[in-house]
Every structure is written in structure tokens, then in C-alpha cells.
Amino acid sequence: MSVYTRAVRPALFALDAERAHELTIAALQRATIVNALRWLPDGRLVTRLPQTVFGLNFGNPLGLAAGLDKQGTAVPAWTALGFGFAEIGTVTPMPQSGNAKPRLFRLPRDRAIINRFGFNSVGAERVARNVASGVRRRAETLAPFRLGINIGKNKETANERAAEDYVRTIDALSAHADYFAINVSSPNTAGLRDLQESHTLRTLVQQVVTRVGERSPTRRIPVLVKISPDMADADLLRSVDSAVEGGAVGVIATNTTVARPNLQSGPMTTEAGGLSGAPLKATANSVCSLLFRHLGKGIPIVGVGGIFSADDAYERIRSGATLIQVYTALVYEGPGLVRQVLTGLEERLTNDGFSTINEAIGVDVH
């Protein structure tokens, strides 16, 4: 057991889940880059992991999923912990408080979390200031690092006007984003998942891609779409095709689920919201394989959901993911998880005779 699982996690888990979340982010804001660098893997041990995706260079394929650093206040810490990229948000154009508390629940026996935050956001302008401050400190680190910004609409904005919200957020944040992720798949904002309907999604993506190009004419900023694991296969593929037709260059698979697959943690399992963590792994792997079989390597997949170890990460890559993300596993396993996953991936690639991670993507999909 690590120091985190022996001492830090029990202390955090003794607190209300959202309070522990807030304290963790606050601590990461104050952590110095020098102290955090001890978590970084030896660069000599991860030579097979760098790759170019969406036209961007990534030092390694492991990223932080959206939802942990919602306001973009801890970006330098994610860099220092060894992540190849981090996705902040979901960011809405105007500040909003999100859903009523309590809205975050741990399921320890399942190594899972249920959340129904509902896009609590300080708003795009404030997030832009937070990120701008972090960029100055981020420059102290050495490894290539990319920042994704996950964007959504305000709760009170009708779906017919949703594109206006996504565009306003882009206007505020385009100077800071390496890529944008369109969130139309959170289960915690009423009606949001209706935006995944194929015709609606194509139009939304087109508007977002057009605005990104207008705001950044000299720097290409990729646009990705984050999808739900709760769609029927045919509907999912239609939505993804529509997103690609609209100009999306990647898919994030998947968001949290409203399903409750054989959970063991008692009354908390009935709380409303999106489930993340280990119980989502099988579904997320299946969706990843489905998408890779349909898209091939032409449209990269960011695999997220239930990744807790190097074995999980490697399985997701072999199932078609080009990049991978973690969130819930970081809550349960702590910052040492990053080093463990990256060095473990390098070992598995070496043992299987792959000279680069790209060679392993999708090899188990038939």
C-alpha cells in the first residue's frame, strides 16, 4: 500500500466527498512544482509513449479527465504529476452553481463515484484568468503537456440556443486551449443528452468548429466530442458520424453512466447522477472497440472510464484508444497512479515487441 492509500485517503474519505474534493484541489494549487516532480517517471523508462495526435505532440497518452479540475485552478500540478495532458471543466459561459448539495457520493466497495454536479462553473472569463495564471507556472516543467477544455451550456439555456453558449465559451478560452471537448453527454443537466441526436449534433459541431477557426486563424485547435455510454450502438455510431461530418477530429469515450451494474456499496448506489469508476470499465472498453471498428485510426479515440492500472490502460489502448484519461482512479489510488500506469505501459509495450504505442492501438479489435 502507498502512503496515499494508508494515510491520506482515509483522512479524505472521513470528510464529505465534495469537501474532500475542494481541499484536494486547494492543496494542489499550493503544491510547488519541485515537490511534485518526484512523482514523474524517469524519462528513460517511457520512450515508447510519445505520439502525435490531432496534430499535437503528447509526451505520453495519460490524461486527467474532465470533472476533477472544473475551474482550471490546478493545471501546473497535473503537469508536474506526469500527465501528458489534462482536460479541465466542464466550463459554461456564465457562472452557475450547479445542482443542490449533496451531489457527490463515494462507493468504496465498488471503487466508484456518483456525481450530479450539474456543470458547477465559475464561468468562462474566470476560468480563462485561472488558466492564464497557471500557464506561467506550468512553463517551469519540462515534459510536453497539452491542455484540453471541456465546454458545456448553461442550465437555463434552451437546447435551440445551445450553440451560442458553446461559442461564447470558446471566445473566452481559445487562447488557452490545445483542444476543445464538446460535452453533450453529461446526465446531470436536463435535456443535454438530446443534443447527441445526429442532426442536432452535426449542426452544433459545425458551429463550434467554425468559431474556433475564426478565433484562432493561425493555430489549429482540434475539436472533440464526448459521448455517453448509455446509447444504443446504432444511435451512438450515427451521432459519432454526425460529429465527424460537422468537423470533430476525435471522440472521448465515455462520459459517466446512469446504469447501476451490480453495485455493492449499499444505499448510496441509488443516488441519482452519473456513475464513474471501476464498474464502468467493461462498458467503456466495449464502446471503445465499437468505435475503433467503425472509425479505425482516422478519428482518434480518447478512452476513459474504469482505468485503474497499467493493465486497464493497456487493455483500453489495445481496444482502440489512442489516448486515455483517469479521474475516479486518482481519487482511490492517489498521485502515484500516474507513474505506475506510464511505467507499466512501457513495460507491456516492450514485452509485446511494440516499438511505439501507436503499434498497439486497436490490436485486439477484430
Protein backbone atom coordinates (compact mmCIF):
# COMPACT_ATOMS: atom_id res chain seq x y z
CA MET A 1 0.00 0.00 0.00
CA SER A 2 1.16 3.53 -0.74
CA VAL A 3 1.33 6.42 1.71
CA TYR A 4 -1.73 7.81 -0.03
CA THR A 5 -3.87 4.70 0.45
CA ARG A 6 -2.60 4.11 4.01
CA ALA A 7 -2.91 7.63 5.41
CA VAL A 8 -4.15 10.30 3.02
CA ARG A 9 -7.15 8.51 1.56
CA PRO A 10 -8.66 7.51 4.93
CA ALA A 11 -8.41 11.12 6.09
CA LEU A 12 -10.06 12.41 2.92
CA PHE A 13 -12.74 9.72 2.96
CA ALA A 14 -13.65 10.71 6.52
CA LEU A 15 -14.83 14.04 5.09
CA ASP A 16 -17.84 14.86 2.97
CA ALA A 17 -16.94 13.88 -0.59
CA GLU A 18 -17.27 17.36 -2.10
CA ARG A 19 -15.39 18.97 0.77
CA ALA A 20 -12.56 16.49 0.28
CA HIS A 21 -12.59 17.33 -3.44
CA GLU A 22 -12.29 21.05 -2.69
CA LEU A 23 -9.45 20.54 -0.21
CA THR A 24 -7.55 18.36 -2.68
CA ILE A 25 -7.76 20.97 -5.43
CA ALA A 26 -6.73 23.70 -2.99
CA ALA A 27 -3.72 21.65 -1.89
CA LEU A 28 -2.70 21.03 -5.50
CA GLN A 29 -2.92 24.76 -6.20
CA ARG A 30 -0.41 25.38 -3.43
CA ALA A 31 1.91 22.47 -4.22
CA THR A 32 5.23 23.54 -5.67
CA ILE A 33 6.40 22.10 -8.95
CA VAL A 34 9.65 20.96 -7.36
CA ASN A 35 7.92 18.90 -4.68
CA ALA A 36 5.52 17.33 -7.17
CA LEU A 37 8.26 16.35 -9.61
CA ARG A 38 9.18 13.35 -7.51
CA TRP A 39 6.11 11.62 -8.95
CA LEU A 40 7.36 11.90 -12.52
CA PRO A 41 8.55 8.68 -14.15
CA ASP A 42 12.13 8.51 -15.33
CA GLY A 43 12.06 9.79 -18.91
CA ARG A 44 14.34 6.92 -19.94
CA LEU A 45 11.59 4.48 -18.99
CA VAL A 46 8.83 5.89 -21.21
CA THR A 47 10.49 6.19 -24.61
CA ARG A 48 7.66 4.35 -26.45
CA LEU A 49 4.86 6.61 -25.21
CA PRO A 50 5.21 9.96 -27.06
CA GLN A 51 2.96 10.40 -30.08
CA THR A 52 1.32 13.00 -32.30
CA VAL A 53 -2.49 13.10 -32.12
CA PHE A 54 -4.83 15.67 -33.74
CA GLY A 55 -1.65 17.36 -34.95
CA LEU A 56 -0.47 17.85 -31.34
CA ASN A 57 2.60 16.30 -29.70
CA PHE A 58 1.84 14.40 -26.49
CA GLY A 59 4.67 13.36 -24.17
CA ASN A 60 2.58 10.39 -23.04
CA PRO A 61 -1.00 9.14 -23.57
CA LEU A 62 -2.27 9.51 -19.98
CA GLY A 63 -4.54 12.46 -19.23
CA LEU A 64 -6.72 13.79 -16.46
CA ALA A 65 -10.40 13.52 -17.34
CA ALA A 66 -12.75 16.47 -17.12
CA GLY A 67 -14.62 16.90 -13.85
CA LEU A 68 -11.81 16.98 -11.31
CA ASP A 69 -10.31 20.40 -12.06
CA LYS A 70 -13.53 22.10 -13.07
CA GLN A 71 -12.27 25.67 -12.76
CA GLY A 72 -8.77 25.21 -14.18
CA THR A 73 -7.02 26.17 -10.95
CA ALA A 74 -4.55 23.28 -10.63
CA VAL A 75 -3.12 22.91 -14.14
CA PRO A 76 0.57 23.17 -13.06
CA ALA A 77 0.05 20.26 -10.66
CA TRP A 78 -1.28 17.96 -13.39
CA THR A 79 1.78 18.76 -15.47
CA ALA A 80 4.12 18.05 -12.60
CA LEU A 81 2.45 14.78 -11.66
CA GLY A 82 3.43 13.42 -15.06
CA PHE A 83 0.20 13.59 -17.04
CA GLY A 84 0.61 14.05 -20.78
CA PHE A 85 -2.48 16.23 -20.83
CA ALA A 86 -5.35 17.41 -18.67
CA GLU A 87 -8.92 18.31 -19.53
CA ILE A 88 -10.46 20.99 -17.34
CA GLY A 89 -14.14 21.83 -16.95
CA THR A 90 -16.90 21.41 -17.85
CA VAL A 91 -16.85 25.20 -18.34
CA THR A 92 -20.05 27.16 -19.01
CA PRO A 93 -20.11 30.68 -20.45
CA MET A 94 -21.79 32.26 -17.44
CA PRO A 95 -21.21 31.29 -13.79
CA GLN A 96 -23.68 28.83 -12.34
CA SER A 97 -23.84 26.97 -9.04
CA GLY A 98 -24.88 23.59 -10.40
CA ASN A 99 -27.25 21.20 -8.68
CA ALA A 100 -28.13 21.23 -4.99
CA LYS A 101 -25.81 19.55 -2.48
CA PRO A 102 -25.10 16.79 -1.63
CA ARG A 103 -24.14 15.89 -5.19
CA LEU A 104 -21.01 13.73 -4.91
CA PHE A 105 -21.03 10.22 -3.42
CA ARG A 106 -18.28 7.65 -2.95
CA LEU A 107 -18.95 3.93 -3.44
CA PRO A 108 -15.81 2.44 -1.83
CA ARG A 109 -16.71 -1.23 -2.23
CA ASP A 110 -17.18 -0.62 -5.94
CA ARG A 111 -14.23 1.77 -6.37
CA ALA A 112 -16.70 4.18 -7.91
CA ILE A 113 -18.23 7.64 -7.59
CA ILE A 114 -21.67 9.02 -8.37
CA ASN A 115 -21.86 12.72 -9.14
CA ARG A 116 -24.65 15.07 -10.12
CA PHE A 117 -22.73 18.35 -10.04
CA GLY A 118 -24.65 19.80 -12.97
CA PHE A 119 -21.85 21.90 -14.52
CA ASN A 120 -20.99 24.00 -11.48
CA SER A 121 -18.74 26.61 -13.06
CA VAL A 122 -17.24 29.98 -12.23
CA GLY A 123 -17.81 30.90 -15.86
CA ALA A 124 -15.56 31.10 -18.88
CA GLU A 125 -13.99 34.50 -18.14
CA ARG A 126 -12.92 33.45 -14.65
CA VAL A 127 -11.59 30.11 -15.88
CA ALA A 128 -9.56 31.97 -18.51
CA ARG A 129 -7.92 34.03 -15.76
CA ASN A 130 -7.23 30.90 -13.71
CA VAL A 131 -5.59 29.13 -16.64
CA ALA A 132 -3.56 32.19 -17.62
CA SER A 133 -2.13 32.31 -14.12
CA GLY A 134 -1.33 28.61 -14.20
CA VAL A 135 0.37 28.78 -17.58
CA ARG A 136 3.12 30.95 -16.11
CA ARG A 137 3.92 28.32 -13.51
CA ARG A 138 3.41 25.45 -15.94
CA ALA A 139 6.32 26.75 -18.01
CA GLU A 140 8.68 25.56 -15.27
CA THR A 141 8.10 21.91 -16.17
CA LEU A 142 9.98 20.02 -18.86
CA ALA A 143 7.69 17.36 -20.35
CA PRO A 144 5.35 18.13 -23.29
CA PHE A 145 1.86 18.78 -21.92
CA ARG A 146 -1.47 19.61 -23.53
CA LEU A 147 -4.50 21.36 -22.08
CA GLY A 148 -7.99 20.41 -23.16
CA ILE A 149 -11.03 22.47 -22.22
CA ASN A 150 -14.37 20.71 -21.86
CA ILE A 151 -17.27 23.06 -22.65
CA GLY A 152 -20.99 22.96 -21.99
CA LYS A 153 -24.11 25.08 -21.94
CA ASN A 154 -25.71 26.87 -19.02
CA LYS A 155 -28.63 25.08 -17.42
CA GLU A 156 -31.13 27.80 -18.29
CA THR A 157 -30.13 27.95 -21.97
CA ALA A 158 -32.61 26.19 -24.22
CA ASN A 159 -31.18 23.50 -26.48
CA GLU A 160 -32.23 25.55 -29.50
CA ARG A 161 -29.72 28.19 -28.38
CA ALA A 162 -27.06 25.85 -27.02
CA ALA A 163 -24.58 26.66 -29.78
CA GLU A 164 -24.49 30.26 -28.56
CA ASP A 165 -23.22 29.09 -25.17
CA TYR A 166 -20.52 26.85 -26.63
CA VAL A 167 -19.38 29.68 -28.91
CA ARG A 168 -19.24 32.21 -26.05
CA THR A 169 -17.05 29.86 -24.04
CA ILE A 170 -14.73 29.40 -27.00
CA ASP A 171 -14.46 33.18 -27.35
CA ALA A 172 -13.18 33.42 -23.77
CA LEU A 173 -10.85 30.42 -23.79
CA SER A 174 -9.48 29.85 -27.29
CA ALA A 175 -6.17 31.49 -26.41
CA HIS A 176 -5.52 28.84 -23.77
CA ALA A 177 -6.86 25.60 -25.30
CA ASP A 178 -4.82 22.95 -27.06
CA TYR A 179 -8.15 21.29 -27.85
CA PHE A 180 -11.83 21.75 -27.04
CA ALA A 181 -14.18 18.93 -25.98
CA ILE A 182 -17.89 19.44 -26.59
CA ASN A 183 -19.84 17.95 -23.70
CA VAL A 184 -23.31 16.86 -24.82
CA SER A 185 -23.35 13.68 -22.76
CA SER A 186 -23.46 14.58 -19.07
CA PRO A 187 -26.54 13.04 -17.45
CA ASN A 188 -26.76 15.83 -14.86
CA THR A 189 -28.15 18.72 -16.94
CA ALA A 190 -31.74 18.16 -18.01
CA GLY A 191 -32.10 17.72 -21.75
CA LEU A 192 -28.39 17.98 -22.52
CA ARG A 193 -28.15 14.47 -23.96
CA ASP A 194 -30.81 15.41 -26.52
CA LEU A 195 -28.00 17.34 -28.24
CA GLN A 196 -26.45 13.98 -29.18
CA GLU A 197 -29.19 13.42 -31.78
CA SER A 198 -27.35 13.14 -35.06
CA HIS A 199 -28.73 16.15 -36.99
CA THR A 200 -28.59 18.41 -33.93
CA LEU A 201 -25.04 17.34 -33.10
CA ARG A 202 -23.76 17.85 -36.64
CA THR A 203 -25.04 21.44 -36.66
CA LEU A 204 -23.65 22.16 -33.20
CA VAL A 205 -20.21 20.81 -34.04
CA GLN A 206 -20.14 22.77 -37.29
CA GLN A 207 -20.84 26.00 -35.43
CA VAL A 208 -18.21 25.26 -32.81
CA VAL A 209 -15.56 24.31 -35.36
CA THR A 210 -16.29 27.43 -37.39
CA ARG A 211 -15.96 29.68 -34.36
CA VAL A 212 -12.73 28.00 -33.23
CA GLY A 213 -11.28 28.67 -36.67
CA GLU A 214 -12.37 32.30 -36.54
CA ARG A 215 -10.90 32.84 -33.09
CA SER A 216 -7.62 31.10 -33.88
CA PRO A 217 -6.89 31.53 -37.60
CA THR A 218 -3.15 30.89 -37.26
CA ARG A 219 -3.29 27.98 -34.80
CA ARG A 220 -5.41 24.91 -35.46
CA ILE A 221 -7.34 23.90 -32.32
CA PRO A 222 -8.87 20.41 -32.60
CA VAL A 223 -12.50 19.90 -31.56
CA LEU A 224 -13.55 16.61 -29.95
CA VAL A 225 -16.96 15.34 -28.81
CA LYS A 226 -17.55 13.48 -25.54
CA ILE A 227 -20.18 10.77 -25.84
CA SER A 228 -22.46 8.85 -23.50
CA PRO A 229 -22.07 5.12 -22.74
CA ASP A 230 -25.85 4.78 -22.46
CA MET A 231 -26.79 4.98 -26.15
CA ALA A 232 -27.73 2.02 -28.31
CA ASP A 233 -24.88 1.06 -30.65
CA ALA A 234 -26.62 2.23 -33.81
CA ASP A 235 -27.57 5.58 -32.28
CA LEU A 236 -24.05 6.04 -30.96
CA LEU A 237 -22.47 5.44 -34.35
CA ARG A 238 -24.92 7.78 -36.05
CA SER A 239 -24.08 10.51 -33.55
CA VAL A 240 -20.35 10.00 -33.94
CA ASP A 241 -20.63 10.06 -37.73
CA SER A 242 -22.58 13.30 -37.49
CA ALA A 243 -19.96 14.83 -35.21
CA VAL A 244 -17.22 13.88 -37.65
CA GLU A 245 -19.21 15.29 -40.55
CA GLY A 246 -19.52 18.50 -38.56
CA GLY A 247 -15.74 18.72 -38.18
CA ALA A 248 -14.89 16.88 -34.97
CA VAL A 249 -11.48 15.19 -35.19
CA GLY A 250 -11.74 12.94 -32.15
CA VAL A 251 -14.15 11.20 -29.77
CA ILE A 252 -13.94 10.94 -25.98
CA ALA A 253 -15.46 7.64 -24.90
CA THR A 254 -17.12 7.80 -22.48
CA ASN A 255 -18.90 10.08 -20.03
CA THR A 256 -20.46 8.74 -16.83
CA THR A 257 -23.38 6.30 -16.94
CA VAL A 258 -26.85 6.29 -15.42
CA ALA A 259 -26.72 2.48 -15.28
CA ARG A 260 -26.02 0.77 -11.94
CA PRO A 261 -24.26 -2.53 -12.82
CA ASN A 262 -24.20 -4.92 -9.84
CA LEU A 263 -23.05 -2.35 -7.27
CA GLN A 264 -22.12 -3.44 -3.74
CA SER A 265 -21.91 -0.19 -1.74
CA GLY A 266 -25.36 -0.08 -0.20
CA PRO A 267 -27.87 2.81 -0.18
CA MET A 268 -25.52 5.25 -1.91
CA THR A 269 -25.83 3.23 -5.12
CA THR A 270 -29.38 4.52 -5.62
CA GLU A 271 -28.36 8.18 -5.71
CA ALA A 272 -29.19 9.93 -8.96
CA GLY A 273 -26.32 11.04 -11.16
CA GLY A 274 -23.54 9.74 -13.33
CA LEU A 275 -21.55 6.71 -12.21
CA SER A 276 -17.79 6.61 -12.82
CA GLY A 277 -15.02 4.26 -11.79
CA ALA A 278 -14.36 0.53 -11.96
CA PRO A 279 -17.96 -0.57 -12.75
CA LEU A 280 -17.81 1.43 -15.98
CA LYS A 281 -14.73 -0.37 -17.31
CA ALA A 282 -16.40 -3.16 -19.28
CA THR A 283 -18.88 -0.81 -20.96
CA ALA A 284 -16.20 1.77 -21.77
CA ASN A 285 -13.96 -0.92 -23.29
CA SER A 286 -16.87 -2.20 -25.36
CA VAL A 287 -17.73 1.28 -26.65
CA CYS A 288 -14.07 1.91 -27.47
CA SER A 289 -13.87 -1.29 -29.51
CA LEU A 290 -17.15 -0.49 -31.28
CA LEU A 291 -15.89 2.94 -32.25
CA PHE A 292 -12.48 1.72 -33.38
CA ARG A 293 -14.08 -0.97 -35.52
CA HIS A 294 -16.19 1.76 -37.11
CA LEU A 295 -13.66 4.60 -37.34
CA GLY A 296 -10.25 2.93 -37.46
CA LYS A 297 -7.28 5.13 -36.64
CA GLY A 298 -8.54 8.00 -38.76
CA ILE A 299 -10.54 9.51 -35.89
CA PRO A 300 -8.60 9.04 -32.63
CA ILE A 301 -10.47 7.86 -29.54
CA VAL A 302 -9.75 9.11 -26.03
CA GLY A 303 -10.60 6.20 -23.74
CA VAL A 304 -11.96 7.00 -20.29
CA GLY A 305 -13.92 5.05 -17.72
CA GLY A 306 -12.75 2.50 -15.15
CA ILE A 307 -9.00 2.71 -15.80
CA PHE A 308 -7.27 1.92 -12.50
CA SER A 309 -3.97 0.29 -13.51
CA ALA A 310 -1.43 -0.19 -16.27
CA ASP A 311 -3.28 -3.36 -17.27
CA ASP A 312 -6.52 -1.42 -17.60
CA ALA A 313 -4.78 1.30 -19.61
CA TYR A 314 -3.11 -1.21 -21.92
CA GLU A 315 -6.39 -3.05 -22.46
CA ARG A 316 -8.07 0.22 -23.46
CA ILE A 317 -5.30 1.04 -25.91
CA ARG A 318 -5.47 -2.42 -27.44
CA SER A 319 -9.25 -1.85 -27.65
CA GLY A 320 -8.71 1.20 -29.83
CA ALA A 321 -7.89 4.17 -27.61
CA THR A 322 -5.10 6.45 -28.76
CA LEU A 323 -5.15 8.47 -25.54
CA ILE A 324 -6.56 7.56 -22.12
CA GLN A 325 -7.89 9.51 -19.14
CA VAL A 326 -8.41 8.89 -15.43
CA TYR A 327 -10.37 10.62 -12.69
CA THR A 328 -12.00 8.27 -10.20
CA ALA A 329 -8.89 6.08 -10.03
CA LEU A 330 -6.89 9.11 -8.92
CA VAL A 331 -9.31 9.57 -6.02
CA TYR A 332 -8.86 5.97 -4.91
CA GLU A 333 -5.20 5.35 -5.77
CA GLY A 334 -3.57 8.79 -5.41
CA PRO A 335 -0.93 10.63 -7.45
CA GLY A 336 1.42 7.65 -7.64
CA LEU A 337 -1.04 6.13 -10.11
CA VAL A 338 0.40 8.28 -12.91
CA ARG A 339 3.90 6.87 -12.60
CA GLN A 340 2.58 3.32 -12.18
CA VAL A 341 0.47 3.50 -15.33
CA LEU A 342 3.16 5.08 -17.50
CA THR A 343 6.00 2.78 -16.48
CA GLY A 344 3.62 -0.19 -16.65
CA LEU A 345 2.57 0.73 -20.17
CA GLU A 346 6.19 1.00 -21.24
CA GLU A 347 6.91 -2.46 -19.84
CA ARG A 348 3.92 -4.03 -21.58
CA LEU A 349 4.78 -2.48 -24.92
CA THR A 350 8.34 -3.74 -24.58
CA ASN A 351 7.25 -7.25 -23.60
CA ASP A 352 4.88 -7.45 -26.58
CA GLY A 353 7.50 -6.25 -29.03
CA PHE A 354 5.98 -2.85 -29.85
CA SER A 355 8.45 -0.07 -30.52
CA THR A 356 5.79 2.66 -30.20
CA ILE A 357 2.43 2.91 -28.53
CA ASN A 358 0.83 3.59 -31.90
CA GLU A 359 1.54 -0.01 -32.93
CA ALA A 360 -0.60 -1.33 -30.08
CA ILE A 361 -3.70 0.76 -30.73
CA GLY A 362 -6.66 -1.45 -31.58
CA VAL A 363 -4.74 -4.71 -31.98
CA ASP A 364 -7.44 -6.63 -30.09
CA VAL A 365 -10.30 -5.29 -32.24
CA HIS A 366 -11.45 -7.64 -34.97
